[in-house]
Amino acid sequence: MKNAILLFLSFVVIAQTRAQDTDSLKKTKKDWSKVSLANRPKDHFLVQVGYGFWTKKPDSVKTTGTPLSVNFYFMMDFPFKSKPQYSVAVGAGLSFNMQNFNKTYIDISGSRADRLSFINVADTNHFKKYRLSTTYLEAPIELRYCSDPLNSLNSWKGAIGVKVGTLISAGTRGKTLVNKTENTVNAYVLEEKSKRYFNSTRLSVMGRVGYGIVSVYASYQINNFIKEGVGPDVRPLQVGITISGL
């Protein structure tokens, strides 16, 4: 009987302790609806450096090296009044994308056929380094979350969104002409520019998650990169690092 009473009293003490802890948490829990972010800057820069490869690429298109994507955006952040951990951000910026190819010539102007041809030139003279570059003017829109908007530099963050881009330029660059045995024929550079076979509009979905000013991001183009019927249906995917204050 004595042991039962002691056990019962122990349960009472534990229950009271937990109740006090719960009350303490309720008292210390921040009421975000009363928090003002009026003094926090709304404008900031967002920089992304990523690995931008082509999904759905046919085997006949021989890529090589590190496909680099670099994005620069100027963003405006608008937190929700009742829940300032959440916000909507809109902005504008530039996206630079570079894809390298191995023993390939891209008929970007359509001089050989009325399409964007990726020609295997391994058995003839070809450029040792060959790259396709595109530049877009883009407008991203993000729905954001920040665990502590009063101290965003030391908080967990996440965002999902979309971005709409318009193609500014597209071109190829070949450097150092070599023969099929890789011996140098001529050390010169050939540049060709044409937007003819590329979609002028790029629609992408994106997401990122991180802590402080650093986050990991991914962006996927949901519409055709190359116009339908004039080349392979490839969809660029970017994965990389974002540096941003908010």
Protein backbone atom coordinates (compact mmCIF):
# COMPACT_ATOMS: atom_id res chain seq x y z
CA MET A 1 0.00 0.00 0.00
CA LYS A 2 2.82 2.37 0.90
CA ASN A 3 4.53 1.68 -2.42
CA ALA A 4 1.29 2.35 -4.31
CA ILE A 5 0.88 5.72 -2.57
CA LEU A 6 4.47 6.70 -3.38
CA LEU A 7 3.95 5.69 -7.01
CA PHE A 8 0.76 7.74 -7.20
CA LEU A 9 2.50 10.81 -5.70
CA SER A 10 5.31 10.41 -8.25
CA PHE A 11 2.80 10.49 -11.09
CA VAL A 12 1.22 13.63 -9.63
CA VAL A 13 4.59 15.40 -9.40
CA ILE A 14 5.48 14.43 -13.00
CA ALA A 15 2.09 15.60 -14.27
CA GLN A 16 2.43 18.94 -12.47
CA THR A 17 5.95 19.42 -13.87
CA ARG A 18 4.78 18.76 -17.43
CA ALA A 19 1.84 21.13 -16.97
CA GLN A 20 4.19 23.85 -15.77
CA ASP A 21 6.51 23.26 -18.73
CA THR A 22 3.56 23.51 -21.13
CA ASP A 23 2.38 26.76 -19.51
CA SER A 24 5.92 28.11 -19.76
CA LEU A 25 6.09 27.31 -23.47
CA LYS A 26 2.74 28.97 -24.07
CA LYS A 27 3.93 32.10 -22.29
CA THR A 28 7.20 32.28 -24.24
CA LYS A 29 5.70 31.46 -27.63
CA LYS A 30 5.96 34.55 -29.83
CA ASP A 31 2.76 36.09 -31.16
CA TRP A 32 3.88 36.70 -34.74
CA SER A 33 0.70 38.62 -35.58
CA LYS A 34 1.99 41.45 -33.37
CA VAL A 35 5.49 41.49 -34.86
CA SER A 36 6.30 44.37 -37.21
CA LEU A 37 8.87 44.08 -39.99
CA ALA A 38 8.45 47.69 -41.10
CA ASN A 39 12.13 48.43 -40.48
CA ARG A 40 13.42 45.39 -42.35
CA PRO A 41 14.67 46.16 -45.90
CA LYS A 42 12.39 44.72 -48.58
CA ASP A 43 14.88 44.89 -51.44
CA HIS A 44 17.84 42.56 -51.81
CA PHE A 45 19.94 40.65 -54.33
CA LEU A 46 19.72 36.92 -54.98
CA VAL A 47 22.62 35.12 -56.66
CA GLN A 48 22.56 31.50 -57.85
CA VAL A 49 25.37 29.34 -59.20
CA GLY A 50 24.35 25.93 -60.41
CA TYR A 51 24.92 22.82 -62.50
CA GLY A 52 22.54 23.16 -65.46
CA PHE A 53 22.16 19.94 -67.45
CA TRP A 54 19.62 18.89 -70.09
CA THR A 55 16.98 16.31 -69.20
CA LYS A 56 15.37 14.18 -71.92
CA LYS A 57 18.55 14.61 -73.99
CA PRO A 58 18.92 11.99 -76.76
CA ASP A 59 22.11 9.90 -76.81
CA SER A 60 23.07 11.46 -80.14
CA VAL A 61 23.68 14.81 -78.42
CA LYS A 62 27.15 14.52 -76.87
CA THR A 63 27.62 16.93 -73.96
CA THR A 64 30.76 17.18 -71.84
CA GLY A 65 32.35 19.14 -69.02
CA THR A 66 30.49 21.18 -66.40
CA PRO A 67 27.32 22.89 -67.64
CA LEU A 68 27.24 26.15 -65.72
CA SER A 69 24.25 28.36 -64.90
CA VAL A 70 24.54 31.71 -63.14
CA ASN A 71 21.50 33.78 -62.14
CA PHE A 72 21.33 37.33 -60.74
CA TYR A 73 18.01 38.72 -59.47
CA PHE A 74 16.90 41.89 -57.72
CA MET A 75 13.99 40.96 -55.43
CA MET A 76 11.32 42.73 -53.40
CA ASP A 77 9.96 40.87 -50.35
CA PHE A 78 6.42 41.41 -49.00
CA PRO A 79 5.71 39.58 -45.68
CA PHE A 80 2.17 38.64 -44.64
CA LYS A 81 0.89 40.91 -41.87
CA SER A 82 -0.70 38.20 -39.74
CA LYS A 83 2.08 35.63 -40.37
CA PRO A 84 5.34 37.45 -41.15
CA GLN A 85 7.24 34.15 -41.31
CA TYR A 86 5.62 33.87 -44.75
CA SER A 87 6.14 36.31 -47.58
CA VAL A 88 5.82 36.79 -51.32
CA ALA A 89 8.83 38.00 -53.30
CA VAL A 90 8.88 39.30 -56.88
CA GLY A 91 11.82 40.47 -58.92
CA ALA A 92 13.73 40.62 -62.18
CA GLY A 93 17.18 39.60 -63.33
CA LEU A 94 19.40 37.77 -65.76
CA SER A 95 20.15 34.08 -66.26
CA PHE A 96 23.31 32.92 -68.05
CA ASN A 97 23.51 29.28 -69.19
CA MET A 98 26.46 27.44 -70.77
CA GLN A 99 26.45 23.87 -72.12
CA ASN A 100 29.64 22.23 -73.46
CA PHE A 101 29.71 19.66 -76.26
CA ASN A 102 32.13 16.91 -77.27
CA LYS A 103 33.18 16.64 -80.95
CA THR A 104 29.94 18.28 -82.01
CA TYR A 105 28.97 21.11 -84.33
CA ILE A 106 25.60 22.83 -83.81
CA ASP A 107 24.02 24.24 -86.95
CA ILE A 108 22.53 27.15 -85.01
CA SER A 109 21.79 29.24 -88.11
CA GLY A 110 20.19 26.43 -90.13
CA SER A 111 22.67 26.69 -93.01
CA ARG A 112 22.71 22.91 -93.58
CA ALA A 113 19.10 22.02 -92.76
CA ASP A 114 15.97 23.80 -91.60
CA ARG A 115 16.39 22.63 -88.00
CA LEU A 116 18.78 22.83 -85.05
CA SER A 117 21.16 20.00 -85.95
CA PHE A 118 23.75 18.52 -83.58
CA ILE A 119 26.34 17.11 -85.97
CA ASN A 120 28.92 14.52 -84.91
CA VAL A 121 32.29 15.71 -86.24
CA ALA A 122 34.56 13.20 -84.47
CA ASP A 123 35.91 11.88 -87.82
CA THR A 124 36.81 15.29 -89.24
CA ASN A 125 38.13 18.64 -88.13
CA HIS A 126 36.37 19.91 -85.03
CA PHE A 127 36.80 22.34 -82.17
CA LYS A 128 38.56 21.13 -79.06
CA LYS A 129 36.20 23.26 -76.96
CA TYR A 130 32.65 23.96 -78.10
CA ARG A 131 29.88 25.66 -76.14
CA LEU A 132 26.28 26.78 -76.51
CA SER A 133 25.35 29.84 -74.41
CA THR A 134 21.95 31.39 -73.75
CA THR A 135 20.94 34.49 -71.80
CA TYR A 136 17.46 35.21 -70.44
CA LEU A 137 15.77 38.18 -68.84
CA GLU A 138 13.64 36.61 -66.09
CA ALA A 139 10.95 37.56 -63.59
CA PRO A 140 10.80 35.18 -60.58
CA ILE A 141 7.94 34.97 -58.06
CA GLU A 142 8.47 33.12 -54.76
CA LEU A 143 6.33 32.07 -51.80
CA ARG A 144 8.77 32.10 -48.87
CA TYR A 145 9.06 30.84 -45.32
CA CYS A 146 11.54 32.08 -42.69
CA SER A 147 11.53 30.52 -39.21
CA ASP A 148 12.53 33.83 -37.56
CA PRO A 149 11.94 36.86 -39.83
CA LEU A 150 13.39 39.17 -37.15
CA ASN A 151 16.73 37.37 -37.47
CA SER A 152 16.75 36.08 -41.05
CA LEU A 153 20.54 35.67 -41.15
CA ASN A 154 20.26 32.91 -38.52
CA SER A 155 17.06 31.17 -39.57
CA TRP A 156 15.82 28.23 -41.56
CA LYS A 157 14.34 29.25 -44.91
CA GLY A 158 12.45 27.75 -47.79
CA ALA A 159 10.80 28.96 -50.97
CA ILE A 160 8.82 27.66 -53.94
CA GLY A 161 7.91 29.59 -57.03
CA VAL A 162 7.88 30.11 -60.75
CA LYS A 163 9.79 32.31 -63.14
CA VAL A 164 9.07 33.59 -66.62
CA GLY A 165 11.95 34.42 -68.93
CA THR A 166 12.46 35.88 -72.38
CA LEU A 167 15.44 34.89 -74.51
CA ILE A 168 17.91 37.74 -75.05
CA SER A 169 20.68 35.92 -76.89
CA ALA A 170 21.81 32.48 -78.01
CA GLY A 171 25.09 31.51 -79.61
CA THR A 172 27.85 28.96 -80.01
CA ARG A 173 31.60 29.39 -79.49
CA GLY A 174 34.24 27.02 -80.77
CA LYS A 175 37.89 27.33 -79.76
CA THR A 176 41.02 25.64 -81.22
CA LEU A 177 40.35 23.65 -84.39
CA VAL A 178 41.83 20.13 -84.27
CA ASN A 179 41.74 17.13 -86.62
CA LYS A 180 40.33 13.70 -85.82
CA THR A 181 43.56 12.70 -84.06
CA GLU A 182 43.29 15.80 -81.81
CA ASN A 183 46.27 17.58 -83.40
CA THR A 184 45.85 21.36 -83.67
CA VAL A 185 44.95 22.61 -87.15
CA ASN A 186 44.34 26.25 -86.31
CA ALA A 187 44.19 28.09 -82.98
CA TYR A 188 41.25 30.36 -83.65
CA VAL A 189 37.78 31.09 -82.27
CA LEU A 190 34.49 30.78 -84.17
CA GLU A 191 31.36 32.44 -82.78
CA GLU A 192 27.86 32.13 -84.25
CA LYS A 193 24.68 33.73 -82.88
CA SER A 194 21.04 32.99 -83.64
CA LYS A 195 17.79 32.71 -81.66
CA ARG A 196 15.96 31.15 -84.58
CA TYR A 197 15.39 27.65 -83.18
CA PHE A 198 14.97 28.43 -79.48
CA ASN A 199 11.73 29.23 -77.70
CA SER A 200 11.63 32.94 -76.93
CA THR A 201 9.78 32.25 -73.64
CA ARG A 202 11.04 30.10 -70.78
CA LEU A 203 8.68 28.89 -68.04
CA SER A 204 10.29 27.31 -64.98
CA VAL A 205 9.29 25.98 -61.56
CA MET A 206 11.77 26.34 -58.71
CA GLY A 207 12.36 25.63 -55.05
CA ARG A 208 15.07 26.14 -52.45
CA VAL A 209 15.80 25.39 -48.80
CA GLY A 210 18.63 26.44 -46.51
CA TYR A 211 19.87 28.27 -43.45
CA GLY A 212 21.04 31.88 -43.16
CA ILE A 213 22.19 33.38 -46.45
CA VAL A 214 22.93 30.00 -48.11
CA SER A 215 20.40 27.59 -49.59
CA VAL A 216 20.25 24.76 -52.10
CA TYR A 217 18.02 25.38 -55.11
CA ALA A 218 16.57 23.52 -58.09
CA SER A 219 14.90 24.96 -61.18
CA TYR A 220 13.24 23.02 -64.02
CA GLN A 221 12.05 24.37 -67.38
CA ILE A 222 8.55 23.01 -68.03
CA ASN A 223 8.20 24.12 -71.66
CA ASN A 224 10.34 23.24 -74.68
CA PHE A 225 13.84 24.74 -74.72
CA ILE A 226 14.07 24.19 -78.50
CA LYS A 227 11.07 24.98 -80.68
CA GLU A 228 8.88 21.99 -81.40
CA GLY A 229 9.71 20.11 -84.60
CA VAL A 230 13.13 21.67 -85.21
CA GLY A 231 15.23 19.83 -82.61
CA PRO A 232 15.20 17.45 -79.63
CA ASP A 233 12.75 18.12 -76.78
CA VAL A 234 15.25 18.85 -74.01
CA ARG A 235 14.28 20.47 -70.69
CA PRO A 236 17.08 22.22 -68.75
CA LEU A 237 17.40 21.46 -65.04
CA GLN A 238 19.49 23.59 -62.67
CA VAL A 239 20.73 22.45 -59.26
CA GLY A 240 23.03 24.62 -57.18
CA ILE A 241 23.62 27.15 -54.41
CA THR A 242 21.72 30.37 -53.67
CA ILE A 243 23.13 33.33 -51.77
CA SER A 244 20.43 35.67 -50.51
CA GLY A 245 19.76 37.87 -47.50
CA LEU A 246 16.07 36.94 -47.30
